Amino acid sequence: MNHLFADTANLKEIIQANEMGAIQGVTTNPSIIAKEPKGSFDEIIKKLAEYCGYEKLSLSVEVFATEYEQIIRQASEIYEKYIDTCPELYVKIPVGFDELRAIRVCSKKGIKINATICYSEQQLQLCASAGAKYISLFYCRLRQHGGDVQRAIRRAKSYIHSNDLETKLICGSIRTQQDVSDAWEFGADIVTTGLNVINEMVEHPKTTESYEGFNKDFSNWIG
């Protein structure tokens, strides 16, 4: 089953996408959080967790700590604070040497991890082995730098299946509606993107033209 997530921390955007029935989850990162008005990190995450929990949406929240012990501590704090509010809470940890160790430790503690900022199938495979429940490929950024996104997805998914791992592959850094469909076709379990791309998926100029034509014809007939 393919899912679509909204890559935003803006609650109004999340509500808009969810009310269309378009999304099954939400992903955030420090850059996305920084787009919101300055305030409390905890207050933003609390509102997102409350909404996503009530609507039964997945929510991924990324640590902003960069040291091994701090990553584990912060991941644990985020998870313990919001898991009761949002049962489908995932903590995002970027891939890296110490980060992989942290992913493994947190996973063993029962924290659902979304391993992120992956640019290669090898990174995806290692994160899956470390216990991450979600592994996130930066799809368009990898392609922009000459990477083969289809091969990365295919090999990562093959690795997951061969090792009987309970890991879902997310494609992020999605820039167009075609990227969404391509990523699903290539094997992504989940695609996460901004509301602008989700809206692009809904609209088509010929649909608008036809809709207006139908209404005009009917108005002339009934009028």
C-alpha atoms as a PDB file:
ATOM      1  CA  MET A   1       0.000   0.000   0.000  1.00  0.00           C
ATOM      2  CA  ASN A   2       1.353   3.414  -1.003  1.00  0.00           C
ATOM      3  CA  HIS A   3       0.953   6.385   1.306  1.00  0.00           C
ATOM      4  CA  LEU A   4       1.326  10.148   0.931  1.00  0.00           C
ATOM      5  CA  PHE A   5       2.643  12.311   3.776  1.00  0.00           C
ATOM      6  CA  ALA A   6       2.670  16.102   4.091  1.00  0.00           C
ATOM      7  CA  ASP A   7       6.164  17.508   4.611  1.00  0.00           C
ATOM      8  CA  THR A   8       5.279  20.518   6.745  1.00  0.00           C
ATOM      9  CA  ALA A   9       4.946  21.772  10.311  1.00  0.00           C
ATOM     10  CA  ASN A  10       2.155  24.191   9.412  1.00  0.00           C
ATOM     11  CA  LEU A  11      -1.013  22.947  11.062  1.00  0.00           C
ATOM     12  CA  LYS A  12      -3.301  24.771   8.606  1.00  0.00           C
ATOM     13  CA  GLU A  13      -1.598  23.023   5.683  1.00  0.00           C
ATOM     14  CA  ILE A  14      -1.863  19.667   7.427  1.00  0.00           C
ATOM     15  CA  ILE A  15      -5.551  20.170   8.105  1.00  0.00           C
ATOM     16  CA  GLN A  16      -6.163  21.236   4.495  1.00  0.00           C
ATOM     17  CA  ALA A  17      -4.415  18.156   3.084  1.00  0.00           C
ATOM     18  CA  ASN A  18      -6.064  15.829   5.585  1.00  0.00           C
ATOM     19  CA  GLU A  19      -9.561  17.180   4.968  1.00  0.00           C
ATOM     20  CA  MET A  20      -9.105  16.317   1.283  1.00  0.00           C
ATOM     21  CA  GLY A  21      -8.306  12.759   2.361  1.00  0.00           C
ATOM     22  CA  ALA A  22      -4.940  13.105   0.637  1.00  0.00           C
ATOM     23  CA  ILE A  23      -2.496  12.192   3.409  1.00  0.00           C
ATOM     24  CA  GLN A  24      -1.820   9.463   5.925  1.00  0.00           C
ATOM     25  CA  GLY A  25       0.976  11.198   7.806  1.00  0.00           C
ATOM     26  CA  VAL A  26       3.180  14.230   8.412  1.00  0.00           C
ATOM     27  CA  THR A  27       6.958  14.683   8.347  1.00  0.00           C
ATOM     28  CA  THR A  28       8.949  17.561   9.787  1.00  0.00           C
ATOM     29  CA  ASN A  29      12.603  18.525  10.134  1.00  0.00           C
ATOM     30  CA  PRO A  30      14.483  21.452  11.711  1.00  0.00           C
ATOM     31  CA  SER A  31      14.360  23.505   8.489  1.00  0.00           C
ATOM     32  CA  ILE A  32      10.607  22.979   8.202  1.00  0.00           C
ATOM     33  CA  ILE A  33      10.092  23.927  11.843  1.00  0.00           C
ATOM     34  CA  ALA A  34      12.178  27.073  11.238  1.00  0.00           C
ATOM     35  CA  LYS A  35       9.655  28.228   8.601  1.00  0.00           C
ATOM     36  CA  GLU A  36       7.048  28.654  11.322  1.00  0.00           C
ATOM     37  CA  PRO A  37       6.831  31.803  13.470  1.00  0.00           C
ATOM     38  CA  LYS A  38       9.454  31.820  16.209  1.00  0.00           C
ATOM     39  CA  GLY A  39       8.265  30.210  19.396  1.00  0.00           C
ATOM     40  CA  SER A  40       8.488  27.050  21.425  1.00  0.00           C
ATOM     41  CA  PHE A  41       9.591  23.830  19.687  1.00  0.00           C
ATOM     42  CA  ASP A  42       7.605  21.819  22.227  1.00  0.00           C
ATOM     43  CA  GLU A  43       4.478  23.882  21.654  1.00  0.00           C
ATOM     44  CA  ILE A  44       4.629  23.315  17.879  1.00  0.00           C
ATOM     45  CA  ILE A  45       5.177  19.576  18.267  1.00  0.00           C
ATOM     46  CA  LYS A  46       2.441  19.344  20.917  1.00  0.00           C
ATOM     47  CA  LYS A  47      -0.130  20.823  18.517  1.00  0.00           C
ATOM     48  CA  LEU A  48       0.973  18.565  15.682  1.00  0.00           C
ATOM     49  CA  ALA A  49       0.942  15.484  17.918  1.00  0.00           C
ATOM     50  CA  GLU A  50      -2.544  16.303  19.210  1.00  0.00           C
ATOM     51  CA  TYR A  51      -3.959  16.731  15.716  1.00  0.00           C
ATOM     52  CA  CYS A  52      -2.156  13.753  14.178  1.00  0.00           C
ATOM     53  CA  GLY A  53      -3.047  11.555  17.123  1.00  0.00           C
ATOM     54  CA  TYR A  54      -6.709  12.473  16.919  1.00  0.00           C
ATOM     55  CA  GLU A  55      -6.775  11.967  13.138  1.00  0.00           C
ATOM     56  CA  LYS A  56      -4.712   8.743  13.359  1.00  0.00           C
ATOM     57  CA  LEU A  57      -1.925  10.180  11.199  1.00  0.00           C
ATOM     58  CA  SER A  58       1.749   9.249  11.361  1.00  0.00           C
ATOM     59  CA  LEU A  59       4.011  12.047  12.642  1.00  0.00           C
ATOM     60  CA  SER A  60       7.807  12.226  12.281  1.00  0.00           C
ATOM     61  CA  VAL A  61       9.750  14.678  14.461  1.00  0.00           C
ATOM     62  CA  GLU A  62      13.492  15.146  13.966  1.00  0.00           C
ATOM     63  CA  VAL A  63      16.080  15.573  16.702  1.00  0.00           C
ATOM     64  CA  PHE A  64      18.234  18.684  16.511  1.00  0.00           C
ATOM     65  CA  ALA A  65      20.965  17.364  18.811  1.00  0.00           C
ATOM     66  CA  THR A  66      24.216  16.424  17.045  1.00  0.00           C
ATOM     67  CA  GLU A  67      26.194  14.480  19.669  1.00  0.00           C
ATOM     68  CA  TYR A  68      25.669  10.756  20.236  1.00  0.00           C
ATOM     69  CA  GLU A  69      24.498  10.837  23.847  1.00  0.00           C
ATOM     70  CA  GLN A  70      22.425  13.959  23.253  1.00  0.00           C
ATOM     71  CA  ILE A  71      20.716  12.390  20.226  1.00  0.00           C
ATOM     72  CA  ILE A  72      19.655   9.385  22.296  1.00  0.00           C
ATOM     73  CA  ARG A  73      18.507  11.582  25.164  1.00  0.00           C
ATOM     74  CA  GLN A  74      16.539  13.938  22.921  1.00  0.00           C
ATOM     75  CA  ALA A  75      14.983  11.109  20.910  1.00  0.00           C
ATOM     76  CA  SER A  76      13.877   9.451  24.140  1.00  0.00           C
ATOM     77  CA  GLU A  77      12.433  12.696  25.497  1.00  0.00           C
ATOM     78  CA  ILE A  78      10.464  13.440  22.315  1.00  0.00           C
ATOM     79  CA  TYR A  79       9.107   9.902  22.142  1.00  0.00           C
ATOM     80  CA  GLU A  80       8.142   9.664  25.817  1.00  0.00           C
ATOM     81  CA  LYS A  81       6.527  13.102  25.756  1.00  0.00           C
ATOM     82  CA  TYR A  82       4.281  12.586  22.731  1.00  0.00           C
ATOM     83  CA  ILE A  83       3.787   8.852  22.104  1.00  0.00           C
ATOM     84  CA  ASP A  84       0.635   8.700  24.244  1.00  0.00           C
ATOM     85  CA  THR A  85      -0.818  11.652  22.349  1.00  0.00           C
ATOM     86  CA  CYS A  86       0.223  10.345  18.928  1.00  0.00           C
ATOM     87  CA  PRO A  87       0.649   6.544  18.826  1.00  0.00           C
ATOM     88  CA  GLU A  88       2.098   6.719  15.321  1.00  0.00           C
ATOM     89  CA  LEU A  89       5.009   8.929  16.390  1.00  0.00           C
ATOM     90  CA  TYR A  90       8.426   8.454  14.779  1.00  0.00           C
ATOM     91  CA  VAL A  91      11.650  10.197  15.758  1.00  0.00           C
ATOM     92  CA  LYS A  92      13.879  11.226  12.866  1.00  0.00           C
ATOM     93  CA  ILE A  93      17.626  10.718  13.172  1.00  0.00           C
ATOM     94  CA  PRO A  94      19.981  11.561  10.262  1.00  0.00           C
ATOM     95  CA  VAL A  95      22.315   8.844   9.000  1.00  0.00           C
ATOM     96  CA  GLY A  96      25.942   8.929  10.182  1.00  0.00           C
ATOM     97  CA  PHE A  97      28.477   6.932  12.201  1.00  0.00           C
ATOM     98  CA  ASP A  98      27.325   7.959  15.673  1.00  0.00           C
ATOM     99  CA  GLU A  99      23.802   8.404  14.383  1.00  0.00           C
ATOM    100  CA  LEU A 100      23.605   4.746  13.309  1.00  0.00           C
ATOM    101  CA  ARG A 101      24.669   3.755  16.808  1.00  0.00           C
ATOM    102  CA  ALA A 102      21.940   6.015  18.177  1.00  0.00           C
ATOM    103  CA  ILE A 103      19.364   4.551  15.794  1.00  0.00           C
ATOM    104  CA  ARG A 104      20.247   1.053  17.007  1.00  0.00           C
ATOM    105  CA  VAL A 105      20.108   2.002  20.694  1.00  0.00           C
ATOM    106  CA  CYS A 106      16.832   3.894  20.337  1.00  0.00           C
ATOM    107  CA  SER A 107      15.276   1.097  18.282  1.00  0.00           C
ATOM    108  CA  LYS A 108      16.213  -1.442  20.961  1.00  0.00           C
ATOM    109  CA  LYS A 109      14.488   0.821  23.499  1.00  0.00           C
ATOM    110  CA  GLY A 110      11.284   0.592  21.451  1.00  0.00           C
ATOM    111  CA  ILE A 111      11.456   4.059  19.910  1.00  0.00           C
ATOM    112  CA  LYS A 112      10.173   4.068  16.330  1.00  0.00           C
ATOM    113  CA  ILE A 113      12.911   5.699  14.245  1.00  0.00           C
ATOM    114  CA  ASN A 114      12.716   7.448  10.885  1.00  0.00           C
ATOM    115  CA  ALA A 115      16.304   7.430   9.578  1.00  0.00           C
ATOM    116  CA  THR A 116      16.726  10.436   7.314  1.00  0.00           C
ATOM    117  CA  ILE A 117      18.973  12.375   4.896  1.00  0.00           C
ATOM    118  CA  CYS A 118      19.880   9.181   3.010  1.00  0.00           C
ATOM    119  CA  TYR A 119      21.416   9.613  -0.451  1.00  0.00           C
ATOM    120  CA  SER A 120      22.423   6.019  -1.270  1.00  0.00           C
ATOM    121  CA  GLU A 121      21.077   2.494  -1.088  1.00  0.00           C
ATOM    122  CA  GLN A 122      23.928   1.629   1.261  1.00  0.00           C
ATOM    123  CA  GLN A 123      22.825   4.254   3.760  1.00  0.00           C
ATOM    124  CA  LEU A 124      19.237   3.037   3.478  1.00  0.00           C
ATOM    125  CA  GLN A 125      20.308  -0.568   3.996  1.00  0.00           C
ATOM    126  CA  LEU A 126      22.432   0.223   7.054  1.00  0.00           C
ATOM    127  CA  CYS A 127      19.660   2.267   8.647  1.00  0.00           C
ATOM    128  CA  ALA A 128      17.212  -0.585   8.106  1.00  0.00           C
ATOM    129  CA  SER A 129      19.667  -3.023   9.683  1.00  0.00           C
ATOM    130  CA  ALA A 130      20.097  -0.689  12.650  1.00  0.00           C
ATOM    131  CA  GLY A 131      16.388  -1.015  13.351  1.00  0.00           C
ATOM    132  CA  ALA A 132      14.795   2.052  11.746  1.00  0.00           C
ATOM    133  CA  LYS A 133      11.102   1.588  10.977  1.00  0.00           C
ATOM    134  CA  TYR A 134      11.215   4.276   8.279  1.00  0.00           C
ATOM    135  CA  ILE A 135      14.194   5.013   6.019  1.00  0.00           C
ATOM    136  CA  SER A 136      14.051   8.279   4.075  1.00  0.00           C
ATOM    137  CA  LEU A 137      15.687   8.815   0.693  1.00  0.00           C
ATOM    138  CA  PHE A 138      16.273  12.391  -0.503  1.00  0.00           C
ATOM    139  CA  TYR A 139      14.871  11.529  -3.910  1.00  0.00           C
ATOM    140  CA  CYS A 140      15.159  14.679  -6.029  1.00  0.00           C
ATOM    141  CA  ARG A 141      18.387  15.833  -4.406  1.00  0.00           C
ATOM    142  CA  LEU A 142      19.987  12.468  -5.182  1.00  0.00           C
ATOM    143  CA  ARG A 143      18.772  12.594  -8.788  1.00  0.00           C
ATOM    144  CA  GLN A 144      19.977  16.197  -9.112  1.00  0.00           C
ATOM    145  CA  HIS A 145      23.489  15.032  -8.178  1.00  0.00           C
ATOM    146  CA  GLY A 146      23.510  12.246 -10.761  1.00  0.00           C
ATOM    147  CA  GLY A 147      22.251   9.398  -8.569  1.00  0.00           C
ATOM    148  CA  ASP A 148      20.011   6.586  -9.821  1.00  0.00           C
ATOM    149  CA  VAL A 149      16.937   6.896  -7.607  1.00  0.00           C
ATOM    150  CA  GLN A 150      15.203   3.889  -9.124  1.00  0.00           C
ATOM    151  CA  ARG A 151      18.162   1.625  -8.400  1.00  0.00           C
ATOM    152  CA  ALA A 152      18.538   2.975  -4.864  1.00  0.00           C
ATOM    153  CA  ILE A 153      14.883   2.263  -4.104  1.00  0.00           C
ATOM    154  CA  ARG A 154      14.901  -1.158  -5.732  1.00  0.00           C
ATOM    155  CA  ARG A 155      18.042  -2.340  -3.968  1.00  0.00           C
ATOM    156  CA  ALA A 156      16.980  -0.989  -0.588  1.00  0.00           C
ATOM    157  CA  LYS A 157      13.576  -2.670  -0.862  1.00  0.00           C
ATOM    158  CA  SER A 158      15.218  -5.932  -1.953  1.00  0.00           C
ATOM    159  CA  TYR A 159      17.506  -5.773   1.083  1.00  0.00           C
ATOM    160  CA  ILE A 160      14.564  -5.184   3.408  1.00  0.00           C
ATOM    161  CA  HIS A 161      12.630  -8.125   2.003  1.00  0.00           C
ATOM    162  CA  SER A 162      15.633 -10.462   1.964  1.00  0.00           C
ATOM    163  CA  ASN A 163      16.311  -9.792   5.636  1.00  0.00           C
ATOM    164  CA  ASP A 164      12.646  -9.813   6.762  1.00  0.00           C
ATOM    165  CA  LEU A 165      12.950  -6.306   8.183  1.00  0.00           C
ATOM    166  CA  GLU A 166       9.899  -4.331   9.265  1.00  0.00           C
ATOM    167  CA  THR A 167      11.006  -1.160   7.512  1.00  0.00           C
ATOM    168  CA  LYS A 168       9.144   1.174   5.158  1.00  0.00           C
ATOM    169  CA  LEU A 169      10.925   3.294   2.563  1.00  0.00           C
ATOM    170  CA  ILE A 170      10.042   6.986   2.324  1.00  0.00           C
ATOM    171  CA  CYS A 171      10.955   9.216  -0.598  1.00  0.00           C
ATOM    172  CA  GLY A 172      11.310  12.860   0.398  1.00  0.00           C
ATOM    173  CA  SER A 173      12.724  15.890  -1.398  1.00  0.00           C
ATOM    174  CA  ILE A 174       9.859  15.568  -3.883  1.00  0.00           C
ATOM    175  CA  ARG A 175       9.369  18.549  -6.165  1.00  0.00           C
ATOM    176  CA  THR A 176       6.633  17.671  -8.677  1.00  0.00           C
ATOM    177  CA  GLN A 177       3.516  15.560  -8.958  1.00  0.00           C
ATOM    178  CA  GLN A 178       5.348  13.332 -11.458  1.00  0.00           C
ATOM    179  CA  ASP A 179       8.010  12.638  -8.830  1.00  0.00           C
ATOM    180  CA  VAL A 180       5.279  11.358  -6.516  1.00  0.00           C
ATOM    181  CA  SER A 181       3.928   8.844  -9.014  1.00  0.00           C
ATOM    182  CA  ASP A 182       7.412   7.819 -10.180  1.00  0.00           C
ATOM    183  CA  ALA A 183       8.611   7.181  -6.632  1.00  0.00           C
ATOM    184  CA  TRP A 184       5.585   4.992  -5.930  1.00  0.00           C
ATOM    185  CA  GLU A 185       6.123   3.103  -9.183  1.00  0.00           C
ATOM    186  CA  PHE A 186       9.811   2.566  -8.333  1.00  0.00           C
ATOM    187  CA  GLY A 187       8.822   0.950  -5.035  1.00  0.00           C
ATOM    188  CA  ALA A 188       8.543   3.661  -2.383  1.00  0.00           C
ATOM    189  CA  ASP A 189       6.091   2.785   0.376  1.00  0.00           C
ATOM    190  CA  ILE A 190       5.607   6.438   1.297  1.00  0.00           C
ATOM    191  CA  VAL A 191       6.161   9.743  -0.473  1.00  0.00           C
ATOM    192  CA  THR A 192       6.350  12.943   1.547  1.00  0.00           C
ATOM    193  CA  THR A 193       6.032  16.363  -0.040  1.00  0.00           C
ATOM    194  CA  GLY A 194       4.829  19.904   0.478  1.00  0.00           C
ATOM    195  CA  LEU A 195       1.288  21.175   0.111  1.00  0.00           C
ATOM    196  CA  ASN A 196       2.223  22.899  -3.151  1.00  0.00           C
ATOM    197  CA  VAL A 197       2.917  19.525  -4.782  1.00  0.00           C
ATOM    198  CA  ILE A 198      -0.192  17.957  -3.234  1.00  0.00           C
ATOM    199  CA  ASN A 199      -2.271  20.798  -4.685  1.00  0.00           C
ATOM    200  CA  GLU A 200      -0.532  20.280  -8.024  1.00  0.00           C
ATOM    201  CA  MET A 201      -1.708  16.660  -7.935  1.00  0.00           C
ATOM    202  CA  VAL A 202      -5.323  17.809  -7.518  1.00  0.00           C
ATOM    203  CA  GLU A 203      -5.393  20.430 -10.251  1.00  0.00           C
ATOM    204  CA  HIS A 204      -5.243  20.182 -14.043  1.00  0.00           C
ATOM    205  CA  PRO A 205      -5.957  23.037 -16.484  1.00  0.00           C
ATOM    206  CA  LYS A 206      -8.146  20.832 -18.691  1.00  0.00           C
ATOM    207  CA  THR A 207     -10.210  19.775 -15.682  1.00  0.00           C
ATOM    208  CA  THR A 208     -10.828  23.450 -14.856  1.00  0.00           C
ATOM    209  CA  GLU A 209     -11.666  24.192 -18.495  1.00  0.00           C
ATOM    210  CA  SER A 210     -14.113  21.284 -18.719  1.00  0.00           C
ATOM    211  CA  TYR A 211     -15.730  22.083 -15.379  1.00  0.00           C
ATOM    212  CA  GLU A 212     -16.323  25.695 -16.364  1.00  0.00           C
ATOM    213  CA  GLY A 213     -17.654  24.569 -19.751  1.00  0.00           C
ATOM    214  CA  PHE A 214     -20.151  22.161 -18.165  1.00  0.00           C
ATOM    215  CA  ASN A 215     -21.437  24.873 -15.834  1.00  0.00           C
ATOM    216  CA  LYS A 216     -21.702  27.422 -18.645  1.00  0.00           C
ATOM    217  CA  ASP A 217     -23.628  25.017 -20.880  1.00  0.00           C
ATOM    218  CA  PHE A 218     -26.014  24.073 -18.102  1.00  0.00           C
ATOM    219  CA  SER A 219     -26.502  27.715 -17.103  1.00  0.00           C
ATOM    220  CA  ASN A 220     -27.431  28.603 -20.675  1.00  0.00           C
ATOM    221  CA  TRP A 221     -29.841  25.677 -20.870  1.00  0.00           C
ATOM    222  CA  ILE A 222     -31.596  26.259 -17.562  1.00  0.00           C
ATOM    223  CA  GLY A 223     -31.535  30.047 -17.682  1.00  0.00           C
END
